[in-house]
Amino acid sequence: EEAHYSGSEAFHRALSEESFETESLALRSI
C-alpha cells in the first residue's frame, strides 16, 4: 500500500544497479 514498486520491480532494479563477481546467486528474500 505505501510503496511505488512491487517486489519484482525492486528485485529488477537491484540486479540492474549492482554487479556481482559470481553468477551463482539465488533469491532468499524480498
PDB file of all heavy atoms in Angstrom:
ATOM      1  N   GLU A   1       0.807  -1.221   0.000  1.00  0.00           N
ATOM      2  CA  GLU A   1       0.000   0.000   0.000  1.00  0.00           C
ATOM      3  C   GLU A   1       0.838   1.269   0.000  1.00  0.00           C
ATOM      4  O   GLU A   1       0.516   2.240  -0.677  1.00  0.00           O
ATOM      5  CB  GLU A   1      -0.935  -0.011   1.213  1.00  0.00           C
ATOM      6  CG  GLU A   1      -1.983   1.070   1.177  1.00  0.00           C
ATOM      7  CD  GLU A   1      -2.991   0.909   2.294  1.00  0.00           C
ATOM      8  OE1 GLU A   1      -3.459  -0.216   2.519  1.00  0.00           O
ATOM      9  OE2 GLU A   1      -3.301   1.924   2.934  1.00  0.00           O
ATOM     10  N   GLU A   2       1.922   1.301   0.732  1.00  0.00           N
ATOM     11  CA  GLU A   2       2.740   2.513   0.868  1.00  0.00           C
ATOM     12  C   GLU A   2       3.841   2.604  -0.181  1.00  0.00           C
ATOM     13  O   GLU A   2       4.559   3.589  -0.249  1.00  0.00           O
ATOM     14  CB  GLU A   2       3.396   2.562   2.261  1.00  0.00           C
ATOM     15  CG  GLU A   2       2.432   2.469   3.421  1.00  0.00           C
ATOM     16  CD  GLU A   2       2.034   1.032   3.755  1.00  0.00           C
ATOM     17  OE1 GLU A   2       2.592   0.076   3.172  1.00  0.00           O
ATOM     18  OE2 GLU A   2       1.142   0.852   4.586  1.00  0.00           O
ATOM     19  N   ALA A   3       4.012   1.564  -1.006  1.00  0.00           N
ATOM     20  CA  ALA A   3       5.150   1.501  -1.930  1.00  0.00           C
ATOM     21  C   ALA A   3       4.768   1.946  -3.339  1.00  0.00           C
ATOM     22  O   ALA A   3       3.594   1.971  -3.703  1.00  0.00           O
ATOM     23  CB  ALA A   3       5.696   0.081  -1.975  1.00  0.00           C
ATOM     24  N   HIS A   4       5.798   2.279  -4.116  1.00  0.00           N
ATOM     25  CA  HIS A   4       5.622   2.607  -5.527  1.00  0.00           C
ATOM     26  C   HIS A   4       5.940   1.412  -6.416  1.00  0.00           C
ATOM     27  O   HIS A   4       5.461   1.333  -7.536  1.00  0.00           O
ATOM     28  CB  HIS A   4       6.529   3.778  -5.922  1.00  0.00           C
ATOM     29  CG  HIS A   4       6.182   5.042  -5.222  1.00  0.00           C
ATOM     30  ND1 HIS A   4       6.940   5.556  -4.203  1.00  0.00           N
ATOM     31  CD2 HIS A   4       5.144   5.897  -5.381  1.00  0.00           C
ATOM     32  CE1 HIS A   4       6.399   6.672  -3.770  1.00  0.00           C
ATOM     33  NE2 HIS A   4       5.307   6.902  -4.468  1.00  0.00           N
ATOM     34  N   TYR A   5       6.799   0.506  -5.925  1.00  0.00           N
ATOM     35  CA  TYR A   5       7.228  -0.646  -6.707  1.00  0.00           C
ATOM     36  C   TYR A   5       6.673  -1.937  -6.116  1.00  0.00           C
ATOM     37  O   TYR A   5       6.410  -2.035  -4.919  1.00  0.00           O
ATOM     38  CB  TYR A   5       8.757  -0.773  -6.715  1.00  0.00           C
ATOM     39  CG  TYR A   5       9.483   0.436  -7.230  1.00  0.00           C
ATOM     40  CD1 TYR A   5      10.460   1.055  -6.462  1.00  0.00           C
ATOM     41  CD2 TYR A   5       9.203   0.962  -8.478  1.00  0.00           C
ATOM     42  CE1 TYR A   5      11.134   2.167  -6.932  1.00  0.00           C
ATOM     43  CE2 TYR A   5       9.877   2.078  -8.952  1.00  0.00           C
ATOM     44  CZ  TYR A   5      10.831   2.670  -8.173  1.00  0.00           C
ATOM     45  OH  TYR A   5      11.503   3.762  -8.636  1.00  0.00           O
ATOM     46  N   SER A   6       6.555  -2.940  -6.973  1.00  0.00           N
ATOM     47  CA  SER A   6       6.261  -4.288  -6.496  1.00  0.00           C
ATOM     48  C   SER A   6       7.586  -4.939  -6.103  1.00  0.00           C
ATOM     49  O   SER A   6       8.665  -4.409  -6.395  1.00  0.00           O
ATOM     50  CB  SER A   6       5.584  -5.106  -7.596  1.00  0.00           C
ATOM     51  OG  SER A   6       6.493  -5.346  -8.656  1.00  0.00           O
ATOM     52  N   GLY A   7       7.517  -6.082  -5.470  1.00  0.00           N
ATOM     53  CA  GLY A   7       8.734  -6.808  -5.112  1.00  0.00           C
ATOM     54  C   GLY A   7       9.550  -7.189  -6.335  1.00  0.00           C
ATOM     55  O   GLY A   7      10.778  -7.095  -6.323  1.00  0.00           O
ATOM     56  N   SER A   8       8.880  -7.600  -7.415  1.00  0.00           N
ATOM     57  CA  SER A   8       9.621  -7.983  -8.623  1.00  0.00           C
ATOM     58  C   SER A   8      10.282  -6.775  -9.273  1.00  0.00           C
ATOM     59  O   SER A   8      11.394  -6.876  -9.797  1.00  0.00           O
ATOM     60  CB  SER A   8       8.711  -8.707  -9.616  1.00  0.00           C
ATOM     61  OG  SER A   8       7.654  -7.873 -10.025  1.00  0.00           O
ATOM     62  N   GLU A   9       9.644  -5.607  -9.234  1.00  0.00           N
ATOM     63  CA  GLU A   9      10.264  -4.393  -9.770  1.00  0.00           C
ATOM     64  C   GLU A   9      11.485  -3.991  -8.936  1.00  0.00           C
ATOM     65  O   GLU A   9      12.516  -3.596  -9.482  1.00  0.00           O
ATOM     66  CB  GLU A   9       9.261  -3.247  -9.807  1.00  0.00           C
ATOM     67  CG  GLU A   9       8.167  -3.435 -10.843  1.00  0.00           C
ATOM     68  CD  GLU A   9       7.048  -2.427 -10.701  1.00  0.00           C
ATOM     69  OE1 GLU A   9       6.647  -2.106  -9.564  1.00  0.00           O
ATOM     70  OE2 GLU A   9       6.571  -1.969 -11.753  1.00  0.00           O
ATOM     71  N   ALA A  10      11.373  -4.097  -7.614  1.00  0.00           N
ATOM     72  CA  ALA A  10      12.508  -3.782  -6.743  1.00  0.00           C
ATOM     73  C   ALA A  10      13.657  -4.759  -6.996  1.00  0.00           C
ATOM     74  O   ALA A  10      14.833  -4.360  -7.034  1.00  0.00           O
ATOM     75  CB  ALA A  10      12.078  -3.829  -5.279  1.00  0.00           C
ATOM     76  N   PHE A  11      13.343  -6.021  -7.201  1.00  0.00           N
ATOM     77  CA  PHE A  11      14.349  -7.046  -7.495  1.00  0.00           C
ATOM     78  C   PHE A  11      15.057  -6.723  -8.812  1.00  0.00           C
ATOM     79  O   PHE A  11      16.284  -6.767  -8.902  1.00  0.00           O
ATOM     80  CB  PHE A  11      13.676  -8.422  -7.552  1.00  0.00           C
ATOM     81  CG  PHE A  11      14.589  -9.556  -7.845  1.00  0.00           C
ATOM     82  CD1 PHE A  11      15.674  -9.835  -7.031  1.00  0.00           C
ATOM     83  CD2 PHE A  11      14.363 -10.379  -8.934  1.00  0.00           C
ATOM     84  CE1 PHE A  11      16.524 -10.903  -7.297  1.00  0.00           C
ATOM     85  CE2 PHE A  11      15.199 -11.446  -9.212  1.00  0.00           C
ATOM     86  CZ  PHE A  11      16.274 -11.705  -8.391  1.00  0.00           C
ATOM     87  N   HIS A  12      14.308  -6.362  -9.815  1.00  0.00           N
ATOM     88  CA  HIS A  12      14.887  -5.994 -11.110  1.00  0.00           C
ATOM     89  C   HIS A  12      15.807  -4.789 -10.967  1.00  0.00           C
ATOM     90  O   HIS A  12      16.914  -4.762 -11.527  1.00  0.00           O
ATOM     91  CB  HIS A  12      13.784  -5.709 -12.121  1.00  0.00           C
ATOM     92  CG  HIS A  12      14.301  -5.279 -13.449  1.00  0.00           C
ATOM     93  ND1 HIS A  12      14.890  -6.150 -14.343  1.00  0.00           N
ATOM     94  CD2 HIS A  12      14.335  -4.058 -14.033  1.00  0.00           C
ATOM     95  CE1 HIS A  12      15.266  -5.484 -15.411  1.00  0.00           C
ATOM     96  NE2 HIS A  12      14.939  -4.209 -15.255  1.00  0.00           N
ATOM     97  N   ARG A  13      15.380  -3.779 -10.227  1.00  0.00           N
ATOM     98  CA  ARG A  13      16.216  -2.587 -10.008  1.00  0.00           C
ATOM     99  C   ARG A  13      17.501  -2.954  -9.271  1.00  0.00           C
ATOM    100  O   ARG A  13      18.582  -2.456  -9.596  1.00  0.00           O
ATOM    101  CB  ARG A  13      15.440  -1.527  -9.245  1.00  0.00           C
ATOM    102  CG  ARG A  13      14.325  -0.888 -10.054  1.00  0.00           C
ATOM    103  CD  ARG A  13      13.514   0.078  -9.218  1.00  0.00           C
ATOM    104  NE  ARG A  13      14.315   1.184  -8.725  1.00  0.00           N
ATOM    105  CZ  ARG A  13      14.500   2.335  -9.373  1.00  0.00           C
ATOM    106  NH1 ARG A  13      13.935   2.523 -10.544  1.00  0.00           N
ATOM    107  NH2 ARG A  13      15.221   3.292  -8.842  1.00  0.00           N
ATOM    108  N   ALA A  14      17.394  -3.822  -8.266  1.00  0.00           N
ATOM    109  CA  ALA A  14      18.576  -4.236  -7.501  1.00  0.00           C
ATOM    110  C   ALA A  14      19.594  -4.914  -8.409  1.00  0.00           C
ATOM    111  O   ALA A  14      20.790  -4.614  -8.344  1.00  0.00           O
ATOM    112  CB  ALA A  14      18.169  -5.175  -6.373  1.00  0.00           C
ATOM    113  N   LEU A  15      19.133  -5.809  -9.272  1.00  0.00           N
ATOM    114  CA  LEU A  15      20.054  -6.528 -10.147  1.00  0.00           C
ATOM    115  C   LEU A  15      20.634  -5.628 -11.228  1.00  0.00           C
ATOM    116  O   LEU A  15      21.765  -5.830 -11.668  1.00  0.00           O
ATOM    117  CB  LEU A  15      19.356  -7.725 -10.790  1.00  0.00           C
ATOM    118  CG  LEU A  15      18.966  -8.838  -9.832  1.00  0.00           C
ATOM    119  CD1 LEU A  15      18.311  -9.975 -10.603  1.00  0.00           C
ATOM    120  CD2 LEU A  15      20.151  -9.350  -9.035  1.00  0.00           C
ATOM    121  N   SER A  16      19.899  -4.626 -11.665  1.00  0.00           N
ATOM    122  CA  SER A  16      20.412  -3.739 -12.706  1.00  0.00           C
ATOM    123  C   SER A  16      21.369  -2.692 -12.148  1.00  0.00           C
ATOM    124  O   SER A  16      22.176  -2.132 -12.883  1.00  0.00           O
ATOM    125  CB  SER A  16      19.262  -3.059 -13.456  1.00  0.00           C
ATOM    126  OG  SER A  16      18.539  -2.208 -12.596  1.00  0.00           O
ATOM    127  N   GLU A  17      21.306  -2.429 -10.841  1.00  0.00           N
ATOM    128  CA  GLU A  17      22.166  -1.421 -10.222  1.00  0.00           C
ATOM    129  C   GLU A  17      23.439  -2.000  -9.618  1.00  0.00           C
ATOM    130  O   GLU A  17      24.369  -1.268  -9.319  1.00  0.00           O
ATOM    131  CB  GLU A  17      21.394  -0.663  -9.137  1.00  0.00           C
ATOM    132  CG  GLU A  17      20.255   0.169  -9.683  1.00  0.00           C
ATOM    133  CD  GLU A  17      19.388   0.788  -8.607  1.00  0.00           C
ATOM    134  OE1 GLU A  17      19.691   0.588  -7.402  1.00  0.00           O
ATOM    135  OE2 GLU A  17      18.416   1.457  -8.961  1.00  0.00           O
ATOM    136  N   GLU A  18      23.491  -3.297  -9.424  1.00  0.00           N
ATOM    137  CA  GLU A  18      24.641  -3.942  -8.780  1.00  0.00           C
ATOM    138  C   GLU A  18      25.347  -4.858  -9.773  1.00  0.00           C
ATOM    139  O   GLU A  18      24.743  -5.361 -10.710  1.00  0.00           O
ATOM    140  CB  GLU A  18      24.185  -4.782  -7.584  1.00  0.00           C
ATOM    141  CG  GLU A  18      23.599  -3.992  -6.448  1.00  0.00           C
ATOM    142  CD  GLU A  18      24.638  -3.224  -5.659  1.00  0.00           C
ATOM    143  OE1 GLU A  18      25.791  -3.685  -5.559  1.00  0.00           O
ATOM    144  OE2 GLU A  18      24.300  -2.155  -5.157  1.00  0.00           O
ATOM    145  N   SER A  19      26.636  -5.080  -9.538  1.00  0.00           N
ATOM    146  CA  SER A  19      27.360  -6.094 -10.295  1.00  0.00           C
ATOM    147  C   SER A  19      27.967  -7.068  -9.287  1.00  0.00           C
ATOM    148  O   SER A  19      28.354  -6.683  -8.188  1.00  0.00           O
ATOM    149  CB  SER A  19      28.445  -5.470 -11.170  1.00  0.00           C
ATOM    150  OG  SER A  19      29.377  -4.780 -10.378  1.00  0.00           O
ATOM    151  N   PHE A  20      28.031  -8.320  -9.676  1.00  0.00           N
ATOM    152  CA  PHE A  20      28.497  -9.375  -8.783  1.00  0.00           C
ATOM    153  C   PHE A  20      29.631 -10.136  -9.443  1.00  0.00           C
ATOM    154  O   PHE A  20      29.669 -10.275 -10.669  1.00  0.00           O
ATOM    155  CB  PHE A  20      27.350 -10.342  -8.458  1.00  0.00           C
ATOM    156  CG  PHE A  20      26.175  -9.668  -7.834  1.00  0.00           C
ATOM    157  CD1 PHE A  20      25.095  -9.273  -8.609  1.00  0.00           C
ATOM    158  CD2 PHE A  20      26.135  -9.412  -6.477  1.00  0.00           C
ATOM    159  CE1 PHE A  20      24.002  -8.640  -8.042  1.00  0.00           C
ATOM    160  CE2 PHE A  20      25.059  -8.784  -5.903  1.00  0.00           C
ATOM    161  CZ  PHE A  20      23.979  -8.394  -6.686  1.00  0.00           C
ATOM    162  N   GLU A  21      30.549 -10.630  -8.620  1.00  0.00           N
ATOM    163  CA  GLU A  21      31.659 -11.425  -9.127  1.00  0.00           C
ATOM    164  C   GLU A  21      31.219 -12.845  -9.455  1.00  0.00           C
ATOM    165  O   GLU A  21      31.915 -13.561 -10.155  1.00  0.00           O
ATOM    166  CB  GLU A  21      32.792 -11.457  -8.105  1.00  0.00           C
ATOM    167  CG  GLU A  21      33.439 -10.103  -7.899  1.00  0.00           C
ATOM    168  CD  GLU A  21      34.554 -10.148  -6.879  1.00  0.00           C
ATOM    169  OE1 GLU A  21      35.040 -11.251  -6.549  1.00  0.00           O
ATOM    170  OE2 GLU A  21      34.948  -9.073  -6.401  1.00  0.00           O
ATOM    171  N   THR A  22      30.086 -13.255  -8.960  1.00  0.00           N
ATOM    172  CA  THR A  22      29.595 -14.609  -9.171  1.00  0.00           C
ATOM    173  C   THR A  22      28.275 -14.573  -9.922  1.00  0.00           C
ATOM    174  O   THR A  22      27.530 -13.607  -9.836  1.00  0.00           O
ATOM    175  CB  THR A  22      29.417 -15.347  -7.828  1.00  0.00           C
ATOM    176  OG1 THR A  22      28.936 -16.662  -8.089  1.00  0.00           O
ATOM    177  CG2 THR A  22      28.434 -14.630  -6.925  1.00  0.00           C
ATOM    178  N   GLU A  23      28.010 -15.631 -10.656  1.00  0.00           N
ATOM    179  CA  GLU A  23      26.729 -15.769 -11.337  1.00  0.00           C
ATOM    180  C   GLU A  23      25.878 -16.845 -10.657  1.00  0.00           C
ATOM    181  O   GLU A  23      24.855 -17.246 -11.184  1.00  0.00           O
ATOM    182  CB  GLU A  23      26.945 -16.122 -12.804  1.00  0.00           C
ATOM    183  CG  GLU A  23      27.636 -15.015 -13.571  1.00  0.00           C
ATOM    184  CD  GLU A  23      27.861 -15.369 -15.028  1.00  0.00           C
ATOM    185  OE1 GLU A  23      27.447 -16.461 -15.457  1.00  0.00           O
ATOM    186  OE2 GLU A  23      28.451 -14.548 -15.728  1.00  0.00           O
ATOM    187  N   SER A  24      26.297 -17.297  -9.511  1.00  0.00           N
ATOM    188  CA  SER A  24      25.630 -18.395  -8.813  1.00  0.00           C
ATOM    189  C   SER A  24      24.803 -17.877  -7.648  1.00  0.00           C
ATOM    190  O   SER A  24      24.969 -18.303  -6.508  1.00  0.00           O
ATOM    191  CB  SER A  24      26.667 -19.391  -8.302  1.00  0.00           C
ATOM    192  OG  SER A  24      27.473 -19.835  -9.354  1.00  0.00           O
ATOM    193  N   LEU A  25      23.917 -16.951  -7.921  1.00  0.00           N
ATOM    194  CA  LEU A  25      23.107 -16.352  -6.860  1.00  0.00           C
ATOM    195  C   LEU A  25      21.675 -16.841  -6.915  1.00  0.00           C
ATOM    196  O   LEU A  25      21.127 -17.101  -7.990  1.00  0.00           O
ATOM    197  CB  LEU A  25      23.115 -14.824  -6.986  1.00  0.00           C
ATOM    198  CG  LEU A  25      24.465 -14.146  -6.818  1.00  0.00           C
ATOM    199  CD1 LEU A  25      24.347 -12.662  -7.119  1.00  0.00           C
ATOM    200  CD2 LEU A  25      25.001 -14.359  -5.421  1.00  0.00           C
ATOM    201  N   ALA A  26      21.092 -16.961  -5.741  1.00  0.00           N
ATOM    202  CA  ALA A  26      19.676 -17.312  -5.619  1.00  0.00           C
ATOM    203  C   ALA A  26      19.013 -16.280  -4.722  1.00  0.00           C
ATOM    204  O   ALA A  26      19.631 -15.735  -3.807  1.00  0.00           O
ATOM    205  CB  ALA A  26      19.516 -18.702  -5.020  1.00  0.00           C
ATOM    206  N   LEU A  27      17.759 -16.015  -4.985  1.00  0.00           N
ATOM    207  CA  LEU A  27      16.994 -15.068  -4.179  1.00  0.00           C
ATOM    208  C   LEU A  27      16.577 -15.734  -2.881  1.00  0.00           C
ATOM    209  O   LEU A  27      16.014 -16.822  -2.882  1.00  0.00           O
ATOM    210  CB  LEU A  27      15.757 -14.605  -4.948  1.00  0.00           C
ATOM    211  CG  LEU A  27      14.826 -13.654  -4.218  1.00  0.00           C
ATOM    212  CD1 LEU A  27      15.523 -12.338  -3.896  1.00  0.00           C
ATOM    213  CD2 LEU A  27      13.577 -13.421  -5.042  1.00  0.00           C
ATOM    214  N   ARG A  28      16.881 -15.079  -1.769  1.00  0.00           N
ATOM    215  CA  ARG A  28      16.485 -15.603  -0.463  1.00  0.00           C
ATOM    216  C   ARG A  28      15.228 -14.894   0.035  1.00  0.00           C
ATOM    217  O   ARG A  28      14.300 -15.532   0.511  1.00  0.00           O
ATOM    218  CB  ARG A  28      17.612 -15.451   0.546  1.00  0.00           C
ATOM    219  CG  ARG A  28      17.233 -15.968   1.916  1.00  0.00           C
ATOM    220  CD  ARG A  28      18.382 -15.997   2.840  1.00  0.00           C
ATOM    221  NE  ARG A  28      19.028 -17.304   2.705  1.00  0.00           N
ATOM    222  CZ  ARG A  28      20.112 -17.653   3.338  1.00  0.00           C
ATOM    223  NH1 ARG A  28      20.716 -16.806   4.126  1.00  0.00           N
ATOM    224  NH2 ARG A  28      20.622 -18.844   3.189  1.00  0.00           N
ATOM    225  N   SER A  29      15.196 -13.554  -0.059  1.00  0.00           N
ATOM    226  CA  SER A  29      14.002 -12.833   0.407  1.00  0.00           C
ATOM    227  C   SER A  29      13.934 -11.440  -0.196  1.00  0.00           C
ATOM    228  O   SER A  29      14.945 -10.883  -0.611  1.00  0.00           O
ATOM    229  CB  SER A  29      13.997 -12.718   1.938  1.00  0.00           C
ATOM    230  OG  SER A  29      15.052 -11.878   2.374  1.00  0.00           O
ATOM    231  N   ILE A  30      12.720 -10.914  -0.233  1.00  0.00           N
ATOM    232  CA  ILE A  30      12.453  -9.529  -0.615  1.00  0.00           C
ATOM    233  C   ILE A  30      11.515  -8.973   0.447  1.00  0.00           C
ATOM    234  O   ILE A  30      10.416  -9.500   0.642  1.00  0.00           O
ATOM    235  CB  ILE A  30      11.786  -9.412  -1.991  1.00  0.00           C
ATOM    236  CG1 ILE A  30      12.666 -10.013  -3.078  1.00  0.00           C
ATOM    237  CG2 ILE A  30      11.459  -7.955  -2.298  1.00  0.00           C
ATOM    238  CD1 ILE A  30      12.026 -10.002  -4.447  1.00  0.00           C
TER     239      ILE A  30
END
